């Protein structure tokens, strides 16, 4: 019995030894493969990333192999323009909002040198949504003022990705402008286009309301409640509108790399007067076709392609539309070239429209209501005229000209400190009564849009113009109903 037990023990010992040898033999190829991979990564050619500030995009990558791509990012906290007369202390990657556009190839090793300037007030880091690893690099890049950190990641999957700061409180760092886009091109590249532009939406929260002048600090309470004062493209009101509008020509195939830094709002991105031929949904492989408006989540992106067929100015907006006309989410593409009346005719005729057979209908009133309605509200003095005019302004003018009368650069001229109105009050009367079409110059800038005539009586017209002349930094004055009647 003892002999049998001893034999079993010896046999078990041989079995364990054999298993150990098999395990060692099995792990050897894996170890060799890992070593080969590390050697391969080390042997990759080293290139410096070509990066660009918005709205520019680096050229497509023409190499057919992976590389170790070196990216240098410097954090800078600086005061810059939010809107005309409004400043804000932005926290930036590379000195602008958004941060620089980074373009790499699928399979590249992205080596990031992350520097935080010595004049920064707080630590910063960077989280690449394109990176596979803890925090997207946030922990590896956490950097105190006056220091520099280095880390790398492999761009495993193609797509368009946000990067942003993820230092606590994360929302504050993002809300101050710390975000940008990195494109990981597929190995085969993207289809060729004629023009590429870089556009990132962001929502900002200031102590002062929209348009309130001066250096505006960040408002944490508004940010938590998700009540932004500004929703803008590329860091400020008018960053890609007016004189800063994107430029294209008839026949161009245009590609927009659209990001949404957030921190809170989802963007309903739309180009007025265009249809997106292709949308790479959320910056990935899924391609949706013939799209009017595409959703871009906070911390997400999309690639939109479209061909331009007729000339003119095309407005880029967040189609949550009050953001566009009242908070700044408006950009423009200016397109030059020959008109194509077959595709878009422009206005052919204009006449009077009378629905329901031309009969003008009214809702009946009681005798007392009719008597009350027959008594127009008449201002007894200039102060009353201003007060009544404010209500008329809010009902008829605010959507285009804004709460502060600043208008929309490149689209709607400002009423604030308007040399056009202050020079001749009759201009305002004629604009309200008859509308205004064609090119005008206001405060040194040209505008060429259409203001429709407003269906206001003489009293309301006088009131609203008196309100405007005595608001928004204008020089004062009074327009009376008799002045309006004379111009009518």
Protein backbone atom coordinates (compact mmCIF):
# COMPACT_ATOMS: atom_id res chain seq x y z
CA UNK A 1 0.00 0.00 0.00
CA UNK A 2 2.88 2.30 0.94
CA UNK A 3 4.58 1.42 -2.33
CA UNK A 4 1.44 2.35 -4.30
CA UNK A 5 1.10 5.69 -2.47
CA UNK A 6 4.74 6.52 -3.16
CA UNK A 7 4.24 5.76 -6.87
CA UNK A 8 1.25 8.08 -7.05
CA UNK A 9 3.22 10.90 -5.43
CA UNK A 10 6.09 10.46 -7.89
CA UNK A 11 3.68 10.44 -10.81
CA UNK A 12 1.99 13.64 -9.56
CA UNK A 13 5.35 15.33 -9.23
CA UNK A 14 6.21 14.50 -12.85
CA UNK A 15 2.82 15.78 -13.96
CA UNK A 16 3.31 19.10 -12.16
CA UNK A 17 6.77 19.46 -13.68
CA UNK A 18 5.40 18.75 -17.14
CA UNK A 19 2.61 21.32 -16.71
CA UNK A 20 5.15 23.90 -15.60
CA UNK A 21 7.21 23.26 -18.72
CA UNK A 22 4.11 23.55 -20.91
CA UNK A 23 3.17 26.83 -19.23
CA UNK A 24 6.66 28.22 -19.75
CA UNK A 25 6.63 27.07 -23.35
CA UNK A 26 3.18 28.60 -23.95
CA UNK A 27 4.12 31.98 -22.45
CA UNK A 28 7.32 32.31 -24.42
CA UNK A 29 5.63 33.34 -27.72
CA UNK A 30 3.51 35.91 -25.88
CA UNK A 31 6.58 37.40 -24.25
CA UNK A 32 8.36 37.48 -27.59
CA UNK A 33 5.34 39.14 -29.26
CA UNK A 34 5.20 41.80 -26.53
CA UNK A 35 8.90 42.50 -26.87
CA UNK A 36 8.55 42.71 -30.65
CA UNK A 37 5.63 45.13 -30.31
CA UNK A 38 7.60 47.35 -27.92
CA UNK A 39 10.57 47.28 -30.25
CA UNK A 40 8.29 48.10 -33.18
CA UNK A 41 6.77 51.09 -31.36
CA UNK A 42 10.22 52.37 -30.47
CA UNK A 43 11.33 52.07 -34.08
CA UNK A 44 8.44 54.11 -35.50
CA UNK A 45 9.51 57.24 -37.35
CA UNK A 46 9.08 60.36 -35.22
CA UNK A 47 7.15 63.32 -36.64
CA UNK A 48 5.98 66.59 -35.15
CA UNK A 49 2.22 67.04 -35.29
CA UNK A 50 0.94 69.80 -37.54
CA UNK A 51 -1.67 71.60 -35.45
CA UNK A 52 -3.89 74.57 -36.33
CA UNK A 53 -6.04 77.12 -34.55
CA UNK A 54 -9.74 77.22 -35.41
CA UNK A 55 -11.25 77.52 -37.94
CA UNK A 56 -8.28 76.08 -39.84
CA UNK A 57 -7.58 72.36 -40.24
CA UNK A 58 -4.21 70.64 -40.85
CA UNK A 59 -3.79 69.02 -44.28
CA UNK A 60 -4.78 65.37 -44.77
CA UNK A 61 -2.15 62.81 -43.80
CA UNK A 62 -0.41 61.37 -46.87
CA UNK A 63 1.85 58.77 -45.23
CA UNK A 64 0.87 55.09 -45.44
CA UNK A 65 2.50 53.95 -42.21
CA UNK A 66 2.20 54.56 -38.48
CA UNK A 67 4.42 57.08 -36.72
CA UNK A 68 5.23 58.42 -33.28
CA UNK A 69 3.53 61.81 -33.46
CA UNK A 70 4.76 64.43 -31.01
CA UNK A 71 2.13 66.92 -29.83
CA UNK A 72 3.04 69.93 -27.71
CA UNK A 73 0.24 71.57 -25.72
CA UNK A 74 0.69 74.62 -23.51
CA UNK A 75 -1.99 75.73 -21.06
CA UNK A 76 -2.53 79.47 -20.89
CA UNK A 77 -5.02 81.38 -18.74
CA UNK A 78 -5.76 84.70 -20.44
CA UNK A 79 -8.35 87.47 -20.77
CA UNK A 80 -9.90 87.63 -24.25
CA UNK A 81 -12.98 88.98 -26.00
CA UNK A 82 -16.29 87.22 -25.44
CA UNK A 83 -18.35 89.81 -27.34
CA UNK A 84 -17.98 93.47 -28.27
CA UNK A 85 -17.21 95.26 -25.02
CA UNK A 86 -17.27 92.01 -23.03
CA UNK A 87 -14.12 90.24 -21.79
CA UNK A 88 -13.69 86.92 -20.03
CA UNK A 89 -10.75 85.10 -18.45
CA UNK A 90 -10.51 81.94 -20.53
CA UNK A 91 -8.48 78.86 -19.63
CA UNK A 92 -7.04 77.60 -22.90
CA UNK A 93 -5.07 74.90 -24.63
CA UNK A 94 -2.65 76.85 -26.81
CA UNK A 95 -3.96 80.36 -26.17
CA UNK A 96 -7.29 80.13 -28.00
CA UNK A 97 -10.72 78.55 -27.67
CA UNK A 98 -11.08 75.87 -28.86
CA UNK A 99 -7.64 74.29 -28.49
CA UNK A 100 -5.65 73.45 -31.59
CA UNK A 101 -6.90 70.86 -34.07
CA UNK A 102 -4.75 67.72 -33.91
CA UNK A 103 -4.66 65.33 -36.88
CA UNK A 104 -3.15 61.84 -36.60
CA UNK A 105 -3.50 58.47 -38.33
CA UNK A 106 -5.05 55.25 -37.07
CA UNK A 107 -2.25 53.22 -35.46
CA UNK A 108 -0.07 56.22 -34.58
CA UNK A 109 1.54 56.58 -31.16
CA UNK A 110 0.56 60.05 -29.94
CA UNK A 111 3.20 61.43 -27.58
CA UNK A 112 1.88 64.43 -25.65
CA UNK A 113 4.10 67.03 -24.00
CA UNK A 114 1.75 68.91 -21.69
CA UNK A 115 3.03 72.19 -20.22
CA UNK A 116 1.25 74.39 -17.66
CA UNK A 117 2.64 77.93 -17.67
CA UNK A 118 4.08 79.32 -14.46
CA UNK A 119 1.57 82.19 -14.45
CA UNK A 120 -1.39 79.76 -14.31
CA UNK A 121 -3.44 79.91 -11.14
CA UNK A 122 -4.35 76.20 -10.85
CA UNK A 123 -3.21 72.75 -12.05
CA UNK A 124 -4.56 71.41 -15.34
CA UNK A 125 -4.57 68.15 -17.29
CA UNK A 126 -5.99 66.70 -20.51
CA UNK A 127 -8.45 63.90 -21.24
CA UNK A 128 -8.37 62.61 -24.82
CA UNK A 129 -11.58 60.86 -25.81
CA UNK A 130 -9.44 59.24 -28.53
CA UNK A 131 -7.25 57.51 -25.93
CA UNK A 132 -7.82 54.04 -24.48
CA UNK A 133 -6.62 54.16 -20.89
CA UNK A 134 -7.52 55.50 -17.44
CA UNK A 135 -9.00 58.98 -17.67
CA UNK A 136 -7.96 59.34 -21.29
CA UNK A 137 -4.62 60.58 -19.97
CA UNK A 138 -6.04 62.86 -17.27
CA UNK A 139 -4.07 61.35 -14.38
CA UNK A 140 -0.91 60.94 -16.44
CA UNK A 141 -1.00 64.59 -17.51
CA UNK A 142 -1.97 66.26 -14.21
CA UNK A 143 0.43 69.21 -14.14
CA UNK A 144 0.98 71.99 -11.62
CA UNK A 145 1.76 75.56 -12.74
CA UNK A 146 5.33 75.84 -13.99
CA UNK A 147 5.65 72.11 -14.76
CA UNK A 148 5.50 69.86 -17.82
CA UNK A 149 4.35 66.23 -18.15
CA UNK A 150 4.69 63.67 -20.94
CA UNK A 151 2.60 60.61 -21.75
CA UNK A 152 1.55 58.70 -24.85
CA UNK A 153 -1.33 56.67 -26.19
CA UNK A 154 -1.97 54.61 -29.29
CA UNK A 155 -4.71 55.85 -31.63
CA UNK A 156 -6.50 52.53 -31.95
CA UNK A 157 -9.79 53.60 -33.51
CA UNK A 158 -10.48 56.18 -36.22
CA UNK A 159 -12.91 59.00 -35.59
CA UNK A 160 -13.31 62.62 -34.53
CA UNK A 161 -12.88 63.07 -30.79
CA UNK A 162 -13.10 65.81 -28.18
CA UNK A 163 -10.26 66.44 -25.77
CA UNK A 164 -10.76 68.53 -22.63
CA UNK A 165 -9.38 69.34 -19.19
CA UNK A 166 -10.53 66.99 -16.44
CA UNK A 167 -9.08 68.63 -13.35
CA UNK A 168 -11.58 69.13 -10.51
CA UNK A 169 -13.93 70.90 -10.65
CA UNK A 170 -14.11 69.44 -14.15
CA UNK A 171 -17.15 71.47 -15.22
CA UNK A 172 -15.44 74.77 -14.41
CA UNK A 173 -12.33 73.93 -16.46
CA UNK A 174 -14.44 72.94 -19.47
CA UNK A 175 -16.77 75.94 -19.05
CA UNK A 176 -13.74 78.23 -19.18
CA UNK A 177 -12.87 76.95 -22.67
CA UNK A 178 -10.57 73.96 -22.17
CA UNK A 179 -11.52 71.71 -25.09
CA UNK A 180 -10.61 70.93 -28.68
CA UNK A 181 -10.74 68.22 -31.36
CA UNK A 182 -8.41 65.42 -32.43
CA UNK A 183 -9.05 63.60 -35.71
CA UNK A 184 -7.81 60.04 -36.00
CA UNK A 185 -7.87 59.46 -39.76
CA UNK A 186 -8.66 55.92 -40.89
CA UNK A 187 -5.70 54.15 -42.50
CA UNK A 188 -7.29 54.56 -45.92
CA UNK A 189 -7.92 58.29 -45.30
CA UNK A 190 -11.12 60.30 -45.71
CA UNK A 191 -12.78 61.17 -49.04
CA UNK A 192 -11.24 64.25 -50.61
CA UNK A 193 -13.00 67.62 -50.25
CA UNK A 194 -12.19 71.18 -51.33
CA UNK A 195 -12.45 73.02 -48.01
CA UNK A 196 -12.21 71.87 -44.38
CA UNK A 197 -13.12 73.96 -41.34
CA UNK A 198 -12.94 73.49 -37.57
CA UNK A 199 -15.94 74.60 -35.48
CA UNK A 200 -16.58 73.90 -31.80
CA UNK A 201 -19.61 75.05 -29.83
CA UNK A 202 -19.41 75.94 -26.15
CA UNK A 203 -21.71 77.37 -23.49
CA UNK A 204 -20.42 80.06 -21.10
CA UNK A 205 -21.71 81.31 -17.76
CA UNK A 206 -20.99 84.88 -16.65
CA UNK A 207 -21.96 86.99 -13.64
CA UNK A 208 -23.35 89.65 -15.96
CA UNK A 209 -26.15 88.99 -18.42
CA UNK A 210 -25.59 88.67 -22.16
CA UNK A 211 -23.85 91.74 -23.53
CA UNK A 212 -23.12 93.34 -20.15
CA UNK A 213 -19.86 95.20 -20.64
CA UNK A 214 -16.59 94.70 -18.83
CA UNK A 215 -14.57 91.73 -17.58
CA UNK A 216 -17.14 89.08 -16.65
CA UNK A 217 -16.21 86.35 -14.13
CA UNK A 218 -17.43 82.75 -14.26
CA UNK A 219 -20.75 82.06 -12.50
CA UNK A 220 -20.79 78.56 -10.94
CA UNK A 221 -24.45 78.77 -9.90
CA UNK A 222 -25.62 79.44 -13.48
CA UNK A 223 -23.40 76.61 -14.71
CA UNK A 224 -24.92 74.14 -12.27
CA UNK A 225 -28.41 75.24 -13.29
CA UNK A 226 -27.38 74.96 -16.97
CA UNK A 227 -28.41 78.55 -17.74
CA UNK A 228 -25.70 79.96 -20.03
CA UNK A 229 -25.49 83.63 -20.95
CA UNK A 230 -23.49 82.80 -24.09
CA UNK A 231 -23.60 79.90 -26.53
CA UNK A 232 -20.93 80.48 -29.14
CA UNK A 233 -18.84 78.93 -31.88
CA UNK A 234 -15.05 79.01 -31.48
CA UNK A 235 -14.98 80.86 -28.19
CA UNK A 236 -16.72 84.19 -28.81
CA UNK A 237 -19.67 85.95 -30.41
CA UNK A 238 -18.94 86.51 -34.10
CA UNK A 239 -15.77 84.37 -34.14
CA UNK A 240 -16.78 82.99 -37.57
CA UNK A 241 -19.25 85.67 -38.70
CA UNK A 242 -19.01 89.02 -40.45
CA UNK A 243 -15.41 89.80 -41.33
CA UNK A 244 -14.43 86.44 -39.81
CA UNK A 245 -16.85 84.39 -41.93
CA UNK A 246 -15.61 81.17 -43.50
CA UNK A 247 -14.93 81.47 -47.23
CA UNK A 248 -15.90 79.11 -50.07
CA UNK A 249 -16.79 79.13 -53.75
CA UNK A 250 -19.54 77.65 -55.89
CA UNK A 251 -18.95 73.95 -56.49
CA UNK A 252 -16.81 73.47 -53.39
CA UNK A 253 -17.28 70.31 -51.39
CA UNK A 254 -17.06 71.56 -47.80
CA UNK A 255 -16.29 69.49 -44.72
CA UNK A 256 -16.97 70.81 -41.22
CA UNK A 257 -15.38 69.13 -38.22
CA UNK A 258 -17.94 70.08 -35.59
CA UNK A 259 -17.33 69.58 -31.88
CA UNK A 260 -19.29 70.43 -28.78
CA UNK A 261 -17.20 71.25 -25.73
CA UNK A 262 -20.30 71.82 -23.63
CA UNK A 263 -20.05 71.60 -20.70
CA UNK A 264 -23.84 71.23 -20.60
CA UNK A 265 -25.84 71.82 -23.77
CA UNK A 266 -26.50 69.44 -26.67
CA UNK A 267 -26.12 71.19 -30.03
CA UNK A 268 -28.69 71.00 -32.84
CA UNK A 269 -26.19 71.91 -35.55
CA UNK A 270 -27.65 73.29 -38.79
CA UNK A 271 -26.48 75.31 -41.80
CA UNK A 272 -29.34 77.50 -43.04
CA UNK A 273 -29.85 76.96 -46.77
CA UNK A 274 -27.84 73.74 -47.01
CA UNK A 275 -28.46 70.01 -46.67
CA UNK A 276 -25.66 67.80 -45.38
CA UNK A 277 -24.83 65.21 -48.05
CA UNK A 278 -23.02 63.02 -45.50
CA UNK A 279 -22.90 63.11 -41.73
CA UNK A 280 -20.44 60.90 -39.87
CA UNK A 281 -22.67 60.49 -36.86
CA UNK A 282 -20.91 61.41 -33.60
CA UNK A 283 -17.62 61.41 -35.53
CA UNK A 284 -17.63 57.63 -36.06
CA UNK A 285 -18.06 55.19 -38.94
CA UNK A 286 -21.86 55.47 -39.33
CA UNK A 287 -22.68 57.73 -42.30
CA UNK A 288 -26.13 59.32 -42.50
CA UNK A 289 -27.17 61.01 -45.74
CA UNK A 290 -29.31 64.03 -46.73
CA UNK A 291 -29.54 65.49 -43.23
CA UNK A 292 -30.97 68.90 -42.31
CA UNK A 293 -29.84 69.12 -38.66
CA UNK A 294 -27.56 66.84 -36.67
CA UNK A 295 -27.24 66.44 -32.92
CA UNK A 296 -23.80 66.90 -31.40
CA UNK A 297 -23.72 65.86 -27.74
CA UNK A 298 -21.71 67.69 -25.11
CA UNK A 299 -18.30 66.04 -25.24
CA UNK A 300 -18.99 64.76 -28.76
CA UNK A 301 -18.42 65.59 -32.41
CA UNK A 302 -19.69 65.09 -35.95
CA UNK A 303 -18.23 65.38 -39.45
CA UNK A 304 -20.55 66.97 -42.01
CA UNK A 305 -19.95 67.21 -45.77
CA UNK A 306 -21.96 69.23 -48.28
CA UNK A 307 -21.55 70.67 -51.76
CA UNK A 308 -22.32 74.35 -52.32
CA UNK A 309 -24.42 75.08 -55.41
CA UNK A 310 -25.39 78.77 -55.20
CA UNK A 311 -23.63 81.89 -53.89
CA UNK A 312 -24.57 83.89 -50.82
CA UNK A 313 -24.17 83.91 -47.07
CA UNK A 314 -25.02 80.71 -45.21
CA UNK A 315 -25.61 80.93 -41.47
CA UNK A 316 -24.33 78.20 -39.15
CA UNK A 317 -26.55 77.92 -36.09
CA UNK A 318 -27.52 75.86 -33.13
CA UNK A 319 -31.16 75.32 -34.15
CA UNK A 320 -32.22 75.59 -30.54
CA UNK A 321 -32.77 78.92 -32.16
CA UNK A 322 -32.77 81.44 -29.33
CA UNK A 323 -29.17 80.38 -28.75
CA UNK A 324 -28.35 81.57 -32.26
CA UNK A 325 -30.07 84.96 -32.24
CA UNK A 326 -29.91 85.81 -28.55
CA UNK A 327 -26.82 84.07 -27.14
CA UNK A 328 -24.32 84.10 -30.00
CA UNK A 329 -24.42 80.63 -31.61
CA UNK A 330 -24.23 81.99 -35.14
CA UNK A 331 -21.49 81.66 -37.74
CA UNK A 332 -21.35 82.25 -41.48
CA UNK A 333 -19.97 80.84 -44.71
CA UNK A 334 -19.58 83.43 -47.47
CA UNK A 335 -19.81 81.83 -50.90
CA UNK A 336 -18.79 83.55 -54.14
CA UNK A 337 -19.56 82.48 -57.68
CA UNK A 338 -22.10 82.57 -60.46
CA UNK A 339 -25.80 82.37 -59.58
CA UNK A 340 -27.85 79.34 -60.60
CA UNK A 341 -31.45 80.51 -60.92
CA UNK A 342 -32.61 76.98 -61.65
CA UNK A 343 -31.54 75.80 -58.21
CA UNK A 344 -32.49 78.99 -56.35
CA UNK A 345 -34.39 81.80 -58.03
CA UNK A 346 -34.43 84.44 -55.33
CA UNK A 347 -37.61 86.53 -55.04
CA UNK A 348 -39.52 86.55 -58.33
CA UNK A 349 -42.61 88.60 -57.46
CA UNK A 350 -44.13 90.36 -54.48
CA UNK A 351 -47.75 91.30 -53.87
CA UNK A 352 -50.46 91.52 -51.26
CA UNK A 353 -51.73 88.29 -49.80
CA UNK A 354 -55.32 88.07 -48.61
CA UNK A 355 -56.32 84.71 -47.26
CA UNK A 356 -59.85 83.38 -46.89
CA UNK A 357 -61.11 85.00 -50.10
CA UNK A 358 -59.71 88.38 -49.23
CA UNK A 359 -62.22 89.06 -46.48
CA UNK A 360 -60.67 90.57 -43.40
CA UNK A 361 -62.15 88.92 -40.34
CA UNK A 362 -62.15 89.96 -36.70
CA UNK A 363 -63.18 88.35 -33.45
CA UNK A 364 -66.26 90.05 -31.93
CA UNK A 365 -65.89 92.12 -28.74
CA UNK A 366 -68.42 93.05 -26.09
CA UNK A 367 -69.57 96.67 -25.94
CA UNK A 368 -67.32 97.48 -22.98
CA UNK A 369 -64.34 95.73 -24.62
CA UNK A 370 -64.93 97.63 -27.83
CA UNK A 371 -65.04 100.92 -25.96
CA UNK A 372 -61.79 100.07 -24.20
CA UNK A 373 -60.12 98.99 -27.43
CA UNK A 374 -61.17 102.24 -29.10
CA UNK A 375 -59.13 104.20 -26.61
CA UNK A 376 -55.48 104.02 -27.70
CA UNK A 377 -52.81 104.15 -25.03
CA UNK A 378 -51.21 107.55 -25.50
CA UNK A 379 -48.00 108.66 -23.84
CA UNK A 380 -48.42 111.88 -21.90
CA UNK A 381 -44.70 112.69 -21.88
CA UNK A 382 -41.30 111.45 -22.98
CA UNK A 383 -40.82 109.21 -19.92
CA UNK A 384 -44.11 107.41 -20.58
CA UNK A 385 -43.18 107.10 -24.25
CA UNK A 386 -39.91 105.38 -23.31
CA UNK A 387 -41.70 102.98 -20.96
CA UNK A 388 -44.37 102.07 -23.53
CA UNK A 389 -41.70 101.79 -26.22
CA UNK A 390 -39.78 99.20 -24.22
CA UNK A 391 -42.77 96.85 -24.39
CA UNK A 392 -43.04 97.39 -28.14
CA UNK A 393 -39.31 96.67 -28.52
CA UNK A 394 -39.51 93.40 -26.59
CA UNK A 395 -42.47 92.24 -28.68
CA UNK A 396 -41.10 93.19 -32.11
CA UNK A 397 -37.36 93.90 -32.11
CA UNK A 398 -35.63 91.85 -29.43
CA UNK A 399 -35.28 88.62 -31.45
CA UNK A 400 -33.00 90.24 -34.04
CA UNK A 401 -31.38 93.11 -32.17
CA UNK A 402 -31.05 91.47 -28.76
CA UNK A 403 -31.63 92.49 -25.17
CA UNK A 404 -28.75 94.98 -25.28
CA UNK A 405 -29.48 96.22 -28.80
CA UNK A 406 -26.18 94.81 -30.08
CA UNK A 407 -27.68 92.92 -33.01
CA UNK A 408 -25.83 90.04 -34.61
CA UNK A 409 -22.54 90.87 -36.27
CA UNK A 410 -22.67 90.32 -40.00
CA UNK A 411 -26.44 89.83 -39.95
CA UNK A 412 -28.43 92.39 -37.93
CA UNK A 413 -26.97 95.87 -37.32
CA UNK A 414 -26.64 97.14 -33.75
CA UNK A 415 -29.06 99.68 -32.35
CA UNK A 416 -26.66 100.29 -29.47
CA UNK A 417 -24.58 103.48 -29.86
CA UNK A 418 -25.79 103.56 -33.46
CA UNK A 419 -24.25 106.35 -35.51
CA UNK A 420 -26.78 105.48 -38.21
CA UNK A 421 -29.82 106.27 -36.01
CA UNK A 422 -28.27 109.09 -33.99
CA UNK A 423 -27.34 111.02 -37.15
CA UNK A 424 -30.93 111.12 -38.46
CA UNK A 425 -33.99 109.99 -36.51
CA UNK A 426 -36.02 109.86 -39.71
CA UNK A 427 -33.98 106.84 -40.81
CA UNK A 428 -35.46 104.89 -37.94
CA UNK A 429 -38.99 106.02 -38.75
CA UNK A 430 -38.64 104.98 -42.39
CA UNK A 431 -37.13 101.62 -41.42
CA UNK A 432 -40.08 100.80 -39.15
CA UNK A 433 -42.76 102.03 -41.57
CA UNK A 434 -41.34 100.80 -44.87
CA UNK A 435 -38.68 98.25 -43.99
CA UNK A 436 -35.06 98.46 -44.99
CA UNK A 437 -33.26 96.62 -47.80
CA UNK A 438 -29.75 96.96 -49.14
CA UNK A 439 -26.33 97.85 -47.83
CA UNK A 440 -25.92 100.26 -44.92
CA UNK A 441 -22.96 101.14 -42.73
CA UNK A 442 -23.43 101.17 -38.97
CA UNK A 443 -20.57 101.99 -36.60
CA UNK A 444 -18.06 101.45 -39.38
CA UNK A 445 -19.32 98.01 -40.42
CA UNK A 446 -21.37 97.10 -43.48
CA UNK A 447 -24.65 95.19 -43.31
CA UNK A 448 -26.69 93.94 -46.22
CA UNK A 449 -29.80 92.19 -45.02
CA UNK A 450 -33.56 92.74 -45.05
CA UNK A 451 -35.68 94.31 -42.33
CA UNK A 452 -39.40 93.90 -42.99
CA UNK A 453 -41.82 96.77 -42.38
CA UNK A 454 -43.52 96.57 -38.99
CA UNK A 455 -47.30 96.87 -38.74
CA UNK A 456 -47.21 99.48 -35.98
CA UNK A 457 -49.42 102.54 -35.60
CA UNK A 458 -47.98 106.03 -35.28
CA UNK A 459 -48.08 105.98 -31.48
CA UNK A 460 -46.26 102.62 -31.14
CA UNK A 461 -43.71 103.61 -33.78
CA UNK A 462 -42.93 106.85 -31.95
CA UNK A 463 -42.70 105.02 -28.64
CA UNK A 464 -40.32 102.27 -29.74
CA UNK A 465 -37.98 104.69 -31.52
CA UNK A 466 -37.93 107.00 -28.51
CA UNK A 467 -37.06 104.00 -26.32
CA UNK A 468 -34.19 103.02 -28.63
CA UNK A 469 -32.83 106.57 -28.83
CA UNK A 470 -32.76 106.78 -25.04
CA UNK A 471 -31.31 103.30 -24.45
CA UNK A 472 -28.23 101.23 -25.36
CA UNK A 473 -25.83 104.16 -25.04
CA UNK A 474 -27.56 106.30 -27.68
CA UNK A 475 -27.67 110.11 -27.53
CA UNK A 476 -31.33 110.58 -26.60
CA UNK A 477 -34.16 112.45 -28.29
CA UNK A 478 -37.85 111.95 -28.88
CA UNK A 479 -39.92 110.86 -31.86
CA UNK A 480 -43.56 111.96 -31.72
CA UNK A 481 -46.60 110.46 -33.51
CA UNK A 482 -46.81 113.58 -35.69
CA UNK A 483 -43.25 112.93 -36.92
CA UNK A 484 -44.27 109.38 -37.87
CA UNK A 485 -47.47 110.55 -39.61
CA UNK A 486 -45.45 112.96 -41.71
CA UNK A 487 -43.05 110.26 -42.88
CA UNK A 488 -45.89 107.78 -43.49
